Protein backbone atom coordinates (compact mmCIF):
# COMPACT_ATOMS: atom_id res chain seq x y z
CA MET A 1 127.08 57.39 47.47
CA ALA A 2 128.84 60.75 47.19
CA ASN A 3 129.60 60.10 43.52
CA ASP A 4 125.99 59.15 42.77
CA SER A 5 124.77 62.30 44.48
CA ALA A 6 127.19 64.45 42.48
CA LYS A 7 126.11 62.84 39.21
CA SER A 8 122.44 63.41 40.03
CA GLU A 9 123.07 67.07 40.79
CA ALA A 10 125.05 67.52 37.53
CA SER A 11 122.31 65.83 35.50
CA ALA A 12 119.62 67.99 37.07
CA GLN A 13 121.68 71.11 36.41
CA GLN A 14 122.16 70.14 32.73
CA GLU A 15 118.43 69.53 32.28
CA GLY A 16 117.74 72.89 33.85
CA ASP A 17 120.17 74.55 31.45
CA ASP A 18 118.47 72.82 28.47
CA ASP A 19 115.07 73.97 29.67
CA GLY A 20 116.47 77.45 29.99
CA ASP A 21 117.78 77.33 26.40
CA ARG A 22 114.45 76.16 25.06
CA SER A 23 112.51 78.77 26.92
CA SER A 24 115.02 81.61 26.70
CA ASN A 25 113.81 82.81 23.29
CA LYS A 26 110.52 84.53 23.82
CA THR A 27 108.64 86.91 21.58
CA PRO A 28 105.61 88.98 22.48
CA SER A 29 102.36 87.71 20.99
CA ALA A 30 99.47 89.80 19.70
CA ASP A 31 97.83 89.91 23.12
CA GLY A 32 101.03 91.12 24.82
CA GLU A 33 102.02 87.77 26.36
CA ASN A 34 105.46 86.25 25.79
CA GLN A 35 105.52 83.31 23.36
CA THR A 36 108.24 80.68 23.53
CA ILE A 37 110.25 80.05 20.31
CA SER A 38 112.64 77.15 19.91
CA LYS A 39 116.17 77.54 18.57
CA ARG A 40 115.19 75.90 15.29
CA GLN A 41 112.31 78.33 14.80
CA MET A 42 114.59 81.25 15.65
CA LYS A 43 117.12 80.12 13.03
CA LYS A 44 114.37 79.96 10.41
CA LEU A 45 113.20 83.45 11.30
CA LEU A 46 116.74 84.83 11.08
CA LYS A 47 117.31 83.09 7.75
CA GLN A 48 114.07 84.48 6.38
CA GLN A 49 114.98 87.95 7.58
CA LYS A 50 118.38 87.70 5.91
CA TRP A 51 116.72 86.58 2.66
CA GLU A 52 114.41 89.61 2.78
CA ASP A 53 117.27 91.99 3.55
CA GLU A 54 119.31 90.76 0.57
CA ARG A 55 116.43 90.94 -1.92
CA GLU A 56 117.62 94.17 -3.52
CA LEU A 57 121.18 92.86 -3.72
CA ARG A 58 120.06 89.75 -5.60
CA LYS A 59 117.98 91.88 -7.95
CA LYS A 60 120.98 94.08 -8.68
CA LYS A 61 123.18 91.06 -9.43
CA ARG A 62 120.58 89.64 -11.83
CA LYS A 63 120.50 92.93 -13.72
CA GLU A 64 124.29 92.95 -13.96
CA ARG A 65 124.40 89.39 -15.34
CA LYS A 66 121.66 90.22 -17.85
CA GLN A 67 123.57 93.30 -19.00
CA GLN A 68 126.75 91.23 -19.38
CA ARG A 69 124.92 88.72 -21.58
CA ARG A 70 123.60 91.53 -23.77
CA GLU A 71 127.04 92.99 -24.23
CA GLY A 72 128.54 89.58 -24.96
CA GLY A 73 130.88 89.81 -22.04
CA GLU A 74 129.73 86.48 -20.54
CA ALA A 75 130.91 83.24 -22.13
CA GLN A 76 128.25 80.97 -23.57
CA ASN A 77 127.08 78.24 -21.25
CA PRO A 78 128.75 75.03 -22.52
CA ARG A 79 125.81 72.94 -21.28
CA LYS A 80 123.45 74.59 -23.73
CA ARG A 81 123.01 72.66 -26.98
CA LEU A 82 124.08 74.58 -30.05
CA ARG A 83 121.02 75.21 -32.21
CA ARG A 84 121.47 74.56 -35.90
CA GLU A 85 120.67 77.18 -38.46
CA LEU A 86 117.06 76.53 -39.43
CA THR A 87 115.46 77.13 -42.80
CA PRO A 88 111.67 77.03 -42.36
CA SER A 89 109.75 75.45 -45.21
CA SER A 90 106.55 76.69 -46.81
CA LEU A 91 105.30 73.10 -47.08
CA ARG A 92 102.29 72.38 -44.88
CA LEU A 93 101.66 69.13 -43.00
CA VAL A 94 98.19 68.59 -41.57
CA VAL A 95 97.20 65.98 -38.98
CA ASP A 96 93.49 65.30 -39.48
CA CYS A 97 91.89 64.54 -36.09
CA SER A 98 88.36 64.08 -37.41
CA PHE A 99 88.38 60.31 -36.69
CA ASP A 100 87.96 60.72 -32.94
CA ASN A 101 84.63 58.83 -32.84
CA LEU A 102 86.00 55.87 -34.83
CA MET A 103 88.63 54.80 -32.33
CA LEU A 104 86.28 52.27 -30.74
CA ILE A 105 86.16 48.48 -30.87
CA LYS A 106 82.75 46.91 -31.41
CA VAL A 107 82.09 43.98 -29.07
CA LYS A 108 79.53 41.21 -29.67
CA PRO A 109 77.55 39.89 -26.67
CA ILE A 110 78.75 36.56 -25.30
CA HIS A 111 76.72 33.34 -24.98
CA CYS A 112 77.12 30.47 -22.52
CA GLY A 113 76.92 27.36 -24.71
CA GLY A 114 73.14 27.40 -25.00
CA GLN A 115 72.59 27.80 -21.26
CA SER A 116 70.94 31.04 -20.24
CA ASN A 117 72.81 32.11 -17.14
CA ASN A 118 71.65 35.73 -17.08
CA LEU A 119 73.97 36.80 -14.27
CA PHE A 120 77.04 35.36 -15.99
CA ILE A 121 76.09 36.93 -19.30
CA GLN A 122 75.50 40.29 -17.66
CA MET A 123 78.89 40.14 -15.92
CA GLY A 124 80.58 39.19 -19.19
CA ILE A 125 79.00 42.10 -21.05
CA GLU A 126 80.05 44.51 -18.33
CA VAL A 127 83.63 43.24 -18.51
CA GLN A 128 83.64 43.64 -22.29
CA ILE A 129 82.31 47.17 -21.98
CA LEU A 130 85.18 47.99 -19.64
CA LEU A 131 87.61 46.47 -22.14
CA VAL A 132 86.12 48.63 -24.90
CA ILE A 133 86.59 51.78 -22.83
CA TRP A 134 90.15 50.78 -21.97
CA ALA A 135 91.04 49.95 -25.59
CA CYS A 136 89.57 53.25 -26.82
CA PHE A 137 91.50 55.15 -24.16
CA GLN A 138 94.72 53.39 -25.15
CA ASP A 139 94.25 54.32 -28.83
CA ILE A 140 93.64 57.95 -27.92
CA ARG A 141 96.76 57.91 -25.73
CA LYS A 142 98.76 56.49 -28.64
CA LEU A 143 97.51 59.19 -30.98
CA HIS A 144 98.34 61.78 -28.31
CA ARG A 145 101.93 60.51 -28.10
CA GLN A 146 102.24 60.47 -31.88
CA VAL A 147 101.08 64.08 -32.13
CA GLN A 148 103.56 65.02 -29.40
CA ARG A 149 106.32 63.32 -31.36
CA CYS A 150 105.36 65.21 -34.54
CA TYR A 151 105.51 68.51 -32.69
CA ALA A 152 108.88 67.74 -31.08
CA GLU A 153 110.47 66.51 -34.33
CA ASN A 154 109.26 69.56 -36.23
CA ARG A 155 110.69 71.88 -33.58
CA ARG A 156 114.16 70.34 -33.95
CA ALA A 157 114.04 69.75 -37.71
CA LEU A 158 116.49 71.46 -40.05
CA HIS A 159 113.60 72.47 -42.33
CA PRO A 160 110.51 72.72 -40.10
CA VAL A 161 107.18 72.60 -41.91
CA GLN A 162 104.01 74.59 -41.32
CA PHE A 163 102.30 72.22 -38.88
CA TYR A 164 98.48 72.13 -38.72
CA LEU A 165 96.37 70.18 -36.25
CA THR A 166 92.73 70.27 -37.36
CA SER A 167 89.38 69.01 -36.01
CA LEU A 168 90.81 68.95 -32.50
CA GLY A 169 88.16 68.06 -29.95
CA GLY A 170 86.48 65.17 -28.18
CA GLN A 171 88.64 62.48 -26.61
CA LEU A 172 91.97 63.72 -27.99
CA LYS A 173 91.52 67.22 -26.60
CA GLN A 174 90.44 65.75 -23.27
CA CYS A 175 93.59 63.63 -23.23
CA LEU A 176 95.74 66.66 -24.03
CA ASP A 177 94.09 68.67 -21.27
CA GLU A 178 94.63 65.92 -18.72
CA LYS A 179 98.06 64.61 -19.70
CA ASP A 180 99.79 67.55 -21.40
CA LYS A 181 98.36 70.85 -20.17
CA GLY A 182 101.26 72.74 -21.75
CA TRP A 183 99.95 72.01 -25.25
CA VAL A 184 98.11 75.35 -25.24
CA ASN A 185 101.54 77.03 -25.26
CA TRP A 186 102.93 75.08 -28.24
CA LYS A 187 104.74 77.29 -30.72
CA ASP A 188 105.01 77.12 -34.52
CA ILE A 189 101.81 75.14 -34.88
CA THR A 190 98.31 76.05 -36.05
CA ILE A 191 95.61 74.29 -34.02
CA LYS A 192 92.03 74.43 -35.26
CA THR A 193 88.77 72.88 -34.15
CA GLU A 194 87.50 73.21 -37.74
CA HIS A 195 87.98 70.58 -40.44
CA TYR A 196 91.05 71.05 -42.65
CA SER A 197 88.79 71.60 -45.68
CA GLU A 198 87.50 74.74 -43.93
CA VAL A 199 90.99 75.99 -43.09
CA LEU A 200 92.95 75.38 -46.31
CA ALA A 201 92.13 75.79 -49.98
CA GLN A 202 90.89 72.55 -51.56
CA GLU A 203 93.23 72.83 -54.56
CA ASP A 204 96.22 72.83 -52.17
CA LEU A 205 95.26 69.62 -50.36
CA VAL A 206 96.87 66.20 -50.94
CA TYR A 207 95.79 63.33 -48.69
CA LEU A 208 98.59 60.84 -47.92
CA THR A 209 97.00 57.39 -47.89
CA SER A 210 98.47 53.98 -48.61
CA ASP A 211 95.38 52.99 -50.64
CA SER A 212 95.88 55.70 -53.26
CA PRO A 213 96.99 54.50 -56.71
CA ASN A 214 99.07 57.68 -57.08
CA VAL A 215 102.70 57.53 -55.95
CA LEU A 216 104.28 60.69 -54.58
CA GLU A 217 107.62 61.22 -56.33
CA GLU A 218 108.44 64.76 -55.20
CA LEU A 219 107.12 67.13 -52.54
CA ASP A 220 105.41 70.29 -53.76
CA HIS A 221 106.09 73.07 -51.27
CA LYS A 222 102.94 74.86 -52.36
CA LYS A 223 100.78 71.94 -51.23
CA ALA A 224 99.32 70.94 -47.88
CA TYR A 225 99.75 67.21 -47.21
CA VAL A 226 97.15 65.64 -44.92
CA ILE A 227 97.89 62.74 -42.56
CA GLY A 228 94.96 60.82 -41.10
CA GLY A 229 95.06 60.89 -37.30
CA LEU A 230 93.60 57.45 -36.67
CA VAL A 231 94.84 54.51 -34.60
CA ASP A 232 92.47 51.81 -35.81
CA HIS A 233 94.29 48.43 -35.76
CA ASN A 234 92.97 47.79 -39.30
CA HIS A 235 89.30 48.10 -38.32
CA HIS A 236 88.72 50.88 -40.86
CA LYS A 237 90.81 49.93 -43.87
CA GLY A 238 90.80 52.45 -46.67
CA ILE A 239 88.79 55.07 -44.80
CA THR A 240 91.23 57.93 -45.47
CA PHE A 241 91.21 57.13 -49.19
CA GLU A 242 87.41 57.15 -49.19
CA ARG A 243 87.33 60.45 -47.32
CA ALA A 244 89.69 62.02 -49.85
CA LYS A 245 87.51 60.86 -52.76
CA GLU A 246 84.35 62.11 -51.04
CA LEU A 247 85.86 65.57 -50.62
CA GLY A 248 87.24 65.54 -54.15
CA ILE A 249 90.80 66.34 -53.09
CA ASP A 250 94.05 64.95 -54.47
CA HIS A 251 95.56 61.89 -52.84
CA ALA A 252 98.83 59.97 -53.03
CA GLN A 253 100.95 57.41 -51.21
CA LEU A 254 104.59 57.68 -50.25
CA PRO A 255 106.92 55.76 -52.63
CA LEU A 256 107.52 53.13 -49.98
CA SER A 257 107.34 50.09 -52.28
CA ASN A 258 109.94 51.59 -54.62
CA PHE A 259 112.63 51.56 -51.95
CA VAL A 260 111.54 49.33 -49.07
CA LYS A 261 110.19 45.83 -48.57
CA MET A 262 108.45 45.17 -45.25
CA ASN A 263 107.09 42.07 -43.55
CA SER A 264 103.90 43.89 -42.60
CA ARG A 265 101.29 46.17 -44.16
CA LYS A 266 102.68 49.46 -45.42
CA VAL A 267 100.52 51.38 -42.95
CA LEU A 268 102.54 53.74 -40.78
CA ALA A 269 101.90 55.67 -37.60
CA VAL A 270 101.18 59.39 -37.79
CA ASN A 271 104.60 60.40 -36.45
CA HIS A 272 106.38 58.04 -38.88
CA VAL A 273 104.78 59.70 -41.90
CA PHE A 274 105.51 63.12 -40.44
CA GLU A 275 109.15 62.27 -39.72
CA ILE A 276 109.67 60.70 -43.16
CA VAL A 277 108.59 63.95 -44.82
CA LEU A 278 110.93 65.94 -42.57
CA ALA A 279 113.80 63.54 -43.28
CA TYR A 280 113.22 63.71 -47.04
CA MET A 281 113.33 67.51 -46.94
CA GLU A 282 116.70 67.34 -45.18
CA LYS A 283 118.30 64.47 -47.13
CA SER A 284 116.54 64.80 -50.53
CA SER A 285 116.40 60.99 -50.69
CA TRP A 286 113.35 58.82 -50.09
CA ARG A 287 115.54 55.79 -49.38
CA GLU A 288 117.50 57.57 -46.66
CA ALA A 289 114.34 59.09 -45.25
CA PHE A 290 112.61 55.71 -44.96
CA PHE A 291 115.54 53.98 -43.31
CA THR A 292 116.13 56.88 -40.93
CA VAL A 293 112.59 56.68 -39.57
CA LEU A 294 111.10 53.19 -40.03
CA PRO A 295 111.16 51.10 -36.81
CA GLN A 296 112.94 47.77 -36.72
CA ARG A 297 109.75 45.80 -36.03
CA LYS A 298 108.58 46.65 -39.56
CA GLY A 299 111.34 44.37 -40.86
CA ALA A 300 112.24 46.92 -43.53
CA VAL A 301 114.88 46.00 -46.12
CA ALA A 302 116.05 48.11 -49.02
CA VAL A 303 114.95 47.16 -52.52
CA SER A 304 117.08 47.70 -55.64
CA GLN A 305 115.71 48.72 -59.02
CA ASP A 306 115.43 45.08 -60.13
CA GLY A 307 113.34 44.25 -57.04
CA THR A 308 115.99 42.39 -55.02
CA THR A 309 116.66 43.19 -51.38
CA ILE A 310 120.02 44.79 -50.64
CA LEU A 311 120.03 46.13 -47.09
CA GLY A 312 118.46 45.46 -43.71
CA LYS A 313 117.13 48.04 -41.32
CA GLU A 314 119.21 47.99 -38.13
CA GLU A 315 118.10 50.95 -36.09
CA ASP A 316 114.83 51.54 -34.33
CA SER A 317 113.70 55.15 -34.21
CA ASP A 318 110.14 54.48 -33.04
CA SER A 319 108.92 56.42 -30.06
CA ASP A 320 107.13 53.42 -28.58
CA PRO A 321 109.04 50.22 -29.56
CA GLY A 322 107.19 46.95 -29.50
CA THR A 323 103.76 48.54 -29.77
CA PRO A 324 102.06 47.84 -33.13
CA ASP A 325 100.49 51.28 -33.48
CA GLN A 326 99.05 51.68 -36.96
CA THR A 327 97.21 54.49 -38.59
CA GLU A 328 95.25 54.54 -41.79
CA GLU A 329 97.71 56.64 -43.78
CA THR A 330 101.13 56.31 -45.41
């Protein structure tokens, strides 16, 4: 009994001490009354006060480090990637975004085997409309990613080109605003809402399209080469070639057939065409450029002068493997 009584008294005393600790820190409130502050809150206040007191000291240290970097007294950060010496090119590459309204899939209304179940038909049409919207959105997203890839590759290229993005608006601009708000701060790129024919001289333009009978042997650095920004899944075959003829501008196709044999149509994604041009400017070889960029799913194999295959493509450099993105240009 004596032990139990002693334990009870000790426990009560400890609780009283804890209550005293919790209530010992009091600060006057605005109305003059004392306000209780816990130990955790007090620690936060002290830490904040210390941070404010050392503000000038931190500022002074930052200035000293900045001065050391200017004078070369601070060793280079080994984690930073060494940037290669760049030689900007005068060649212009234009991504034509004027096909925004064509990235839609037309859907025919369904029928129920001769039976007119209006509710079922209506539900089917609504589902197909949703599929159309989804498919269109996916194509715009693919084009968005391809444009991003073009920008990134040009920024790290040994011979970056003069990059133009024309006719920007509609769904693509909306996608950029929603998914990549930093695009407004992109550097070394000219972005225009106008059509490329209003931005560049017509005699400088060459449209790159796989339907052109002209084969591009060499790149002319005085020219502006246009790439059609269209993800169409072959719904608009030959449209870029027709557009080029309508505008009366030069057109050509990359010499793909001279060096490569593929198990699919020689229609490449926007970023593939862009990267092939960059690779050719660095390697001065169409063959090396094609096999550096072409994705494995294209089944590309090298072709010799007599037309026989000599080499298989082993690496996949595509930004989105397994996705058959195609655009109406080469």
